[in-house]
């Protein structure tokens, strides 16, 4: 294997690296120029408290107190 610094191939490697960087910069510039930013409307949330949610939560807590499985009387 030859050393690229001695054989003069380093110029090709530098040219390849520079061309990749230039292509990346051109794609970045093209994407920023042609990217149209539309105006985003501000979202407004409902500030009223829904009373039915409180009742549903209370019903769920009463159901959770009844166990689905029976535990053993004696622990082994």
PDB file of N, CA and C in Angstrom:
ATOM      1  N   UNK A   1       0.853  -1.181   0.000  1.00  0.00           N
ATOM      2  CA  UNK A   1       0.000   0.000   0.000  1.00  0.00           C
ATOM      3  C   UNK A   1       0.894   1.237   0.000  1.00  0.00           C
ATOM      4  N   UNK A   2       0.552   2.197  -0.828  1.00  0.00           N
ATOM      5  CA  UNK A   2       1.365   3.401  -0.954  1.00  0.00           C
ATOM      6  C   UNK A   2       0.864   4.472   0.007  1.00  0.00           C
ATOM      7  N   UNK A   3       1.773   5.286   0.441  1.00  0.00           N
ATOM      8  CA  UNK A   3       1.431   6.412   1.303  1.00  0.00           C
ATOM      9  C   UNK A   3       0.850   7.526   0.424  1.00  0.00           C
ATOM     10  N   UNK A   4      -0.373   7.984   0.700  1.00  0.00           N
ATOM     11  CA  UNK A   4      -0.969   9.005  -0.167  1.00  0.00           C
ATOM     12  C   UNK A   4      -0.237  10.344  -0.100  1.00  0.00           C
ATOM     13  N   UNK A   5       0.475  10.602   0.983  1.00  0.00           N
ATOM     14  CA  UNK A   5       1.216  11.859   1.071  1.00  0.00           C
ATOM     15  C   UNK A   5       2.425  11.868   0.139  1.00  0.00           C
ATOM     16  N   UNK A   6       3.016  10.717  -0.052  1.00  0.00           N
ATOM     17  CA  UNK A   6       4.206  10.645  -0.904  1.00  0.00           C
ATOM     18  C   UNK A   6       3.852  10.498  -2.376  1.00  0.00           C
ATOM     19  N   UNK A   7       2.766   9.814  -2.688  1.00  0.00           N
ATOM     20  CA  UNK A   7       2.448   9.543  -4.086  1.00  0.00           C
ATOM     21  C   UNK A   7       1.644  10.667  -4.741  1.00  0.00           C
ATOM     22  N   UNK A   8       1.220  11.670  -4.017  1.00  0.00           N
ATOM     23  CA  UNK A   8       0.496  12.793  -4.592  1.00  0.00           C
ATOM     24  C   UNK A   8      -1.008  12.590  -4.670  1.00  0.00           C
ATOM     25  N   UNK A   9      -1.509  11.514  -4.071  1.00  0.00           N
ATOM     26  CA  UNK A   9      -2.954  11.269  -4.084  1.00  0.00           C
ATOM     27  C   UNK A   9      -3.707  12.101  -3.052  1.00  0.00           C
ATOM     28  N   UNK A  10      -2.975  12.766  -2.187  1.00  0.00           N
ATOM     29  CA  UNK A  10      -3.643  13.554  -1.136  1.00  0.00           C
ATOM     30  C   UNK A  10      -4.478  14.673  -1.746  1.00  0.00           C
ATOM     31  N   UNK A  11      -4.052  15.167  -2.920  1.00  0.00           N
ATOM     32  CA  UNK A  11      -4.803  16.217  -3.606  1.00  0.00           C
ATOM     33  C   UNK A  11      -6.199  15.713  -3.973  1.00  0.00           C
ATOM     34  N   UNK A  12      -6.303  14.462  -4.381  1.00  0.00           N
ATOM     35  CA  UNK A  12      -7.602  13.890  -4.731  1.00  0.00           C
ATOM     36  C   UNK A  12      -8.501  13.757  -3.503  1.00  0.00           C
ATOM     37  N   UNK A  13      -7.922  13.352  -2.365  1.00  0.00           N
ATOM     38  CA  UNK A  13      -8.698  13.226  -1.130  1.00  0.00           C
ATOM     39  C   UNK A  13      -9.211  14.578  -0.659  1.00  0.00           C
ATOM     40  N   UNK A  14      -8.377  15.595  -0.731  1.00  0.00           N
ATOM     41  CA  UNK A  14      -8.789  16.942  -0.326  1.00  0.00           C
ATOM     42  C   UNK A  14      -9.872  17.458  -1.264  1.00  0.00           C
ATOM     43  N   UNK A  15      -9.722  17.225  -2.555  1.00  0.00           N
ATOM     44  CA  UNK A  15     -10.736  17.641  -3.523  1.00  0.00           C
ATOM     45  C   UNK A  15     -12.074  16.940  -3.257  1.00  0.00           C
ATOM     46  N   UNK A  16     -12.045  15.668  -2.935  1.00  0.00           N
ATOM     47  CA  UNK A  16     -13.265  14.928  -2.623  1.00  0.00           C
ATOM     48  C   UNK A  16     -13.932  15.504  -1.381  1.00  0.00           C
ATOM     49  N   UNK A  17     -13.159  15.760  -0.339  1.00  0.00           N
ATOM     50  CA  UNK A  17     -13.697  16.313   0.899  1.00  0.00           C
ATOM     51  C   UNK A  17     -14.309  17.694   0.656  1.00  0.00           C
ATOM     52  N   UNK A  18     -13.606  18.553  -0.076  1.00  0.00           N
ATOM     53  CA  UNK A  18     -14.094  19.903  -0.351  1.00  0.00           C
ATOM     54  C   UNK A  18     -15.362  19.850  -1.201  1.00  0.00           C
ATOM     55  N   UNK A  19     -15.424  18.937  -2.155  1.00  0.00           N
ATOM     56  CA  UNK A  19     -16.623  18.847  -2.992  1.00  0.00           C
ATOM     57  C   UNK A  19     -17.833  18.377  -2.187  1.00  0.00           C
ATOM     58  N   UNK A  20     -17.626  17.464  -1.255  1.00  0.00           N
ATOM     59  CA  UNK A  20     -18.739  17.015  -0.400  1.00  0.00           C
ATOM     60  C   UNK A  20     -19.222  18.156   0.472  1.00  0.00           C
ATOM     61  N   UNK A  21     -18.313  18.923   1.038  1.00  0.00           N
ATOM     62  CA  UNK A  21     -18.701  20.062   1.882  1.00  0.00           C
ATOM     63  C   UNK A  21     -19.443  21.110   1.054  1.00  0.00           C
ATOM     64  N   UNK A  22     -18.994  21.398  -0.146  1.00  0.00           N
ATOM     65  CA  UNK A  22     -19.655  22.380  -1.013  1.00  0.00           C
ATOM     66  C   UNK A  22     -21.060  21.911  -1.378  1.00  0.00           C
ATOM     67  N   UNK A  23     -21.208  20.638  -1.682  1.00  0.00           N
ATOM     68  CA  UNK A  23     -22.542  20.113  -2.004  1.00  0.00           C
ATOM     69  C   UNK A  23     -23.473  20.223  -0.798  1.00  0.00           C
ATOM     70  N   UNK A  24     -22.969  19.938   0.408  1.00  0.00           N
ATOM     71  CA  UNK A  24     -23.788  20.070   1.617  1.00  0.00           C
ATOM     72  C   UNK A  24     -24.210  21.520   1.836  1.00  0.00           C
ATOM     73  N   UNK A  25     -23.312  22.454   1.619  1.00  0.00           N
ATOM     74  CA  UNK A  25     -23.641  23.876   1.781  1.00  0.00           C
ATOM     75  C   UNK A  25     -24.675  24.301   0.755  1.00  0.00           C
ATOM     76  N   UNK A  26     -24.539  23.841  -0.499  1.00  0.00           N
ATOM     77  CA  UNK A  26     -25.513  24.191  -1.532  1.00  0.00           C
ATOM     78  C   UNK A  26     -26.896  23.634  -1.211  1.00  0.00           C
ATOM     79  N   UNK A  27     -26.975  22.399  -0.713  1.00  0.00           N
ATOM     80  CA  UNK A  27     -28.271  21.840  -0.329  1.00  0.00           C
ATOM     81  C   UNK A  27     -28.885  22.613   0.835  1.00  0.00           C
ATOM     82  N   UNK A  28     -28.051  23.048   1.785  1.00  0.00           N
ATOM     83  CA  UNK A  28     -28.561  23.830   2.915  1.00  0.00           C
ATOM     84  C   UNK A  28     -29.112  25.165   2.440  1.00  0.00           C
ATOM     85  N   UNK A  29     -28.397  25.841   1.569  1.00  0.00           N
ATOM     86  CA  UNK A  29     -28.853  27.134   1.045  1.00  0.00           C
ATOM     87  C   UNK A  29     -30.140  26.957   0.242  1.00  0.00           C
ATOM     88  N   UNK A  30     -30.202  25.909  -0.580  1.00  0.00           N
ATOM     89  CA  UNK A  30     -31.404  25.666  -1.380  1.00  0.00           C
ATOM     90  C   UNK A  30     -32.600  25.351  -0.498  1.00  0.00           C
ATOM     91  N   UNK A  31     -32.386  24.612   0.573  1.00  0.00           N
ATOM     92  CA  UNK A  31     -33.513  24.268   1.446  1.00  0.00           C
ATOM     93  C   UNK A  31     -34.001  25.481   2.224  1.00  0.00           C
ATOM     94  N   UNK A  32     -33.109  26.404   2.568  1.00  0.00           N
ATOM     95  CA  UNK A  32     -33.550  27.597   3.293  1.00  0.00           C
ATOM     96  C   UNK A  32     -34.215  28.603   2.357  1.00  0.00           C
ATOM     97  N   UNK A  33     -33.797  28.663   1.095  1.00  0.00           N
ATOM     98  CA  UNK A  33     -34.403  29.614   0.162  1.00  0.00           C
ATOM     99  C   UNK A  33     -35.812  29.202  -0.251  1.00  0.00           C
ATOM    100  N   UNK A  34     -36.012  27.923  -0.500  1.00  0.00           N
ATOM    101  CA  UNK A  34     -37.289  27.451  -1.010  1.00  0.00           C
ATOM    102  C   UNK A  34     -38.239  26.967   0.082  1.00  0.00           C
ATOM    103  N   UNK A  35     -37.867  27.154   1.328  1.00  0.00           N
ATOM    104  CA  UNK A  35     -38.721  26.712   2.443  1.00  0.00           C
ATOM    105  C   UNK A  35     -39.637  27.865   2.835  1.00  0.00           C
ATOM    106  N   UNK A  36     -40.930  27.735   2.502  1.00  0.00           N
ATOM    107  CA  UNK A  36     -41.896  28.763   2.848  1.00  0.00           C
ATOM    108  C   UNK A  36     -42.480  28.468   4.230  1.00  0.00           C
ATOM    109  N   UNK A  37     -42.316  29.419   5.128  1.00  0.00           N
ATOM    110  CA  UNK A  37     -42.842  29.246   6.481  1.00  0.00           C
ATOM    111  C   UNK A  37     -44.219  29.887   6.526  1.00  0.00           C
ATOM    112  N   UNK A  38     -45.220  29.069   6.779  1.00  0.00           N
ATOM    113  CA  UNK A  38     -46.572  29.605   6.879  1.00  0.00           C
ATOM    114  C   UNK A  38     -46.806  30.089   8.309  1.00  0.00           C
ATOM    115  N   UNK A  39     -47.664  31.071   8.437  1.00  0.00           N
ATOM    116  CA  UNK A  39     -47.947  31.627   9.755  1.00  0.00           C
ATOM    117  C   UNK A  39     -48.814  30.637  10.527  1.00  0.00           C
ATOM    118  N   UNK A  40     -48.399  30.333  11.730  1.00  0.00           N
ATOM    119  CA  UNK A  40     -49.099  29.351  12.556  1.00  0.00           C
ATOM    120  C   UNK A  40     -50.050  30.091  13.485  1.00  0.00           C
ATOM    121  N   UNK A  41     -51.318  29.641  13.486  1.00  0.00           N
ATOM    122  CA  UNK A  41     -52.299  30.263  14.369  1.00  0.00           C
ATOM    123  C   UNK A  41     -52.058  29.830  15.808  1.00  0.00           C
ATOM    124  N   UNK A  42     -52.323  30.760  16.722  1.00  0.00           N
ATOM    125  CA  UNK A  42     -52.147  30.462  18.127  1.00  0.00           C
ATOM    126  C   UNK A  42     -53.288  29.562  18.593  1.00  0.00           C
ATOM    127  N   UNK A  43     -52.945  28.518  19.324  1.00  0.00           N
ATOM    128  CA  UNK A  43     -53.960  27.587  19.805  1.00  0.00           C
ATOM    129  C   UNK A  43     -54.558  28.112  21.099  1.00  0.00           C
ATOM    130  N   UNK A  44     -55.867  28.029  21.191  1.00  0.00           N
ATOM    131  CA  UNK A  44     -56.581  28.482  22.380  1.00  0.00           C
ATOM    132  C   UNK A  44     -57.240  27.258  22.997  1.00  0.00           C
ATOM    133  N   UNK A  45     -56.953  27.025  24.260  1.00  0.00           N
ATOM    134  CA  UNK A  45     -57.497  25.867  24.952  1.00  0.00           C
ATOM    135  C   UNK A  45     -58.693  26.271  25.792  1.00  0.00           C
ATOM    136  N   UNK A  46     -59.580  25.314  25.964  1.00  0.00           N
ATOM    137  CA  UNK A  46     -60.772  25.540  26.761  1.00  0.00           C
ATOM    138  C   UNK A  46     -60.383  25.580  28.238  1.00  0.00           C
ATOM    139  N   UNK A  47     -60.726  26.672  28.926  1.00  0.00           N
ATOM    140  CA  UNK A  47     -60.335  26.834  30.323  1.00  0.00           C
ATOM    141  C   UNK A  47     -61.424  26.396  31.288  1.00  0.00           C
ATOM    142  N   UNK A  48     -62.597  26.032  30.775  1.00  0.00           N
ATOM    143  CA  UNK A  48     -63.680  25.601  31.643  1.00  0.00           C
ATOM    144  C   UNK A  48     -63.403  24.197  32.168  1.00  0.00           C
ATOM    145  N   UNK A  49     -63.752  23.992  33.432  1.00  0.00           N
ATOM    146  CA  UNK A  49     -63.542  22.691  34.051  1.00  0.00           C
ATOM    147  C   UNK A  49     -64.781  21.845  33.790  1.00  0.00           C
ATOM    148  N   UNK A  50     -64.574  20.662  33.297  1.00  0.00           N
ATOM    149  CA  UNK A  50     -65.676  19.762  33.007  1.00  0.00           C
ATOM    150  C   UNK A  50     -66.047  19.005  34.277  1.00  0.00           C
ATOM    151  N   UNK A  51     -67.293  19.133  34.725  1.00  0.00           N
ATOM    152  CA  UNK A  51     -67.727  18.523  35.987  1.00  0.00           C
ATOM    153  C   UNK A  51     -67.899  17.014  35.850  1.00  0.00           C
ATOM    154  N   UNK A  52     -68.176  16.507  34.679  1.00  0.00           N
ATOM    155  CA  UNK A  52     -68.416  15.075  34.517  1.00  0.00           C
ATOM    156  C   UNK A  52     -67.143  14.267  34.729  1.00  0.00           C
ATOM    157  N   UNK A  53     -65.988  14.841  34.494  1.00  0.00           N
ATOM    158  CA  UNK A  53     -64.736  14.117  34.696  1.00  0.00           C
ATOM    159  C   UNK A  53     -64.528  13.786  36.168  1.00  0.00           C
ATOM    160  N   UNK A  54     -64.940  14.675  37.070  1.00  0.00           N
ATOM    161  CA  UNK A  54     -64.792  14.421  38.491  1.00  0.00           C
ATOM    162  C   UNK A  54     -65.642  13.228  38.916  1.00  0.00           C
ATOM    163  N   UNK A  55     -66.849  13.105  38.370  1.00  0.00           N
ATOM    164  CA  UNK A  55     -67.719  11.988  38.717  1.00  0.00           C
ATOM    165  C   UNK A  55     -67.160  10.666  38.196  1.00  0.00           C
ATOM    166  N   UNK A  56     -66.597  10.678  37.025  1.00  0.00           N
ATOM    167  CA  UNK A  56     -66.025   9.465  36.449  1.00  0.00           C
ATOM    168  C   UNK A  56     -64.834   9.008  37.285  1.00  0.00           C
ATOM    169  N   UNK A  57     -64.021   9.925  37.746  1.00  0.00           N
ATOM    170  CA  UNK A  57     -62.858   9.577  38.558  1.00  0.00           C
ATOM    171  C   UNK A  57     -63.312   8.975  39.878  1.00  0.00           C
ATOM    172  N   UNK A  58     -64.368   9.515  40.482  1.00  0.00           N
ATOM    173  CA  UNK A  58     -64.866   8.979  41.746  1.00  0.00           C
ATOM    174  C   UNK A  58     -65.405   7.564  41.556  1.00  0.00           C
ATOM    175  N   UNK A  59     -66.093   7.294  40.462  1.00  0.00           N
ATOM    176  CA  UNK A  59     -66.616   5.958  40.203  1.00  0.00           C
ATOM    177  C   UNK A  59     -65.487   4.962  39.988  1.00  0.00           C
ATOM    178  N   UNK A  60     -64.430   5.383  39.315  1.00  0.00           N
ATOM    179  CA  UNK A  60     -63.308   4.485  39.074  1.00  0.00           C
ATOM    180  C   UNK A  60     -62.580   4.136  40.367  1.00  0.00           C
ATOM    181  N   UNK A  61     -62.479   5.082  41.295  1.00  0.00           N
ATOM    182  CA  UNK A  61     -61.796   4.797  42.552  1.00  0.00           C
ATOM    183  C   UNK A  61     -62.610   3.835  43.399  1.00  0.00           C
ATOM    184  N   UNK A  62     -63.928   3.915  43.346  1.00  0.00           N
ATOM    185  CA  UNK A  62     -64.736   2.972  44.125  1.00  0.00           C
ATOM    186  C   UNK A  62     -64.646   1.577  43.521  1.00  0.00           C
ATOM    187  N   UNK A  63     -64.520   1.464  42.219  1.00  0.00           N
ATOM    188  CA  UNK A  63     -64.386   0.158  41.587  1.00  0.00           C
ATOM    189  C   UNK A  63     -63.028  -0.466  41.900  1.00  0.00           C
ATOM    190  N   UNK A  64     -62.011   0.326  42.047  1.00  0.00           N
ATOM    191  CA  UNK A  64     -60.679  -0.208  42.275  1.00  0.00           C
ATOM    192  C   UNK A  64     -60.538  -0.790  43.677  1.00  0.00           C
ATOM    193  N   UNK A  65     -61.434  -0.444  44.607  1.00  0.00           N
ATOM    194  CA  UNK A  65     -61.349  -0.974  45.965  1.00  0.00           C
ATOM    195  C   UNK A  65     -61.774  -2.434  46.028  1.00  0.00           C
ATOM    196  N   UNK A  66     -62.608  -2.871  45.118  1.00  0.00           N
ATOM    197  CA  UNK A  66     -62.993  -4.281  45.083  1.00  0.00           C
ATOM    198  C   UNK A  66     -61.920  -5.039  44.320  1.00  0.00           C
ATOM    199  N   UNK A  67     -61.393  -6.102  44.937  1.00  0.00           N
ATOM    200  CA  UNK A  67     -60.291  -6.847  44.345  1.00  0.00           C
ATOM    201  C   UNK A  67     -60.815  -7.908  43.389  1.00  0.00           C
ATOM    202  N   UNK A  68     -60.111  -8.097  42.331  1.00  0.00           N
ATOM    203  CA  UNK A  68     -60.496  -9.077  41.338  1.00  0.00           C
ATOM    204  C   UNK A  68     -60.052 -10.481  41.753  1.00  0.00           C
ATOM    205  N   UNK A  69     -58.938 -10.570  42.481  1.00  0.00           N
ATOM    206  CA  UNK A  69     -58.396 -11.853  42.909  1.00  0.00           C
ATOM    207  C   UNK A  69     -58.448 -11.946  44.429  1.00  0.00           C
ATOM    208  N   UNK A  70     -58.678 -13.146  44.929  1.00  0.00           N
ATOM    209  CA  UNK A  70     -58.701 -13.359  46.377  1.00  0.00           C
ATOM    210  C   UNK A  70     -57.305 -13.769  46.826  1.00  0.00           C
ATOM    211  N   UNK A  71     -56.819 -13.124  47.864  1.00  0.00           N
ATOM    212  CA  UNK A  71     -55.497 -13.445  48.398  1.00  0.00           C
ATOM    213  C   UNK A  71     -55.595 -14.672  49.306  1.00  0.00           C
ATOM    214  N   UNK A  72     -54.511 -15.342  49.466  1.00  0.00           N
ATOM    215  CA  UNK A  72     -54.479 -16.507  50.342  1.00  0.00           C
ATOM    216  C   UNK A  72     -54.572 -16.088  51.799  1.00  0.00           C
ATOM    217  N   UNK A  73     -55.178 -16.941  52.635  1.00  0.00           N
ATOM    218  CA  UNK A  73     -55.310 -16.615  54.058  1.00  0.00           C
ATOM    219  C   UNK A  73     -53.950 -16.715  54.757  1.00  0.00           C
ATOM    220  N   UNK A  74     -53.144 -17.658  54.302  1.00  0.00           N
ATOM    221  CA  UNK A  74     -51.853 -17.875  54.957  1.00  0.00           C
ATOM    222  C   UNK A  74     -50.742 -17.627  53.949  1.00  0.00           C
ATOM    223  N   UNK A  75     -49.732 -16.827  54.357  1.00  0.00           N
ATOM    224  CA  UNK A  75     -48.592 -16.570  53.478  1.00  0.00           C
ATOM    225  C   UNK A  75     -47.545 -17.651  53.672  1.00  0.00           C
ATOM    226  N   UNK A  76     -47.005 -18.196  52.624  1.00  0.00           N
ATOM    227  CA  UNK A  76     -46.030 -19.279  52.735  1.00  0.00           C
ATOM    228  C   UNK A  76     -44.635 -18.753  52.631  1.00  0.00           C
TER     229      UNK A  76
END
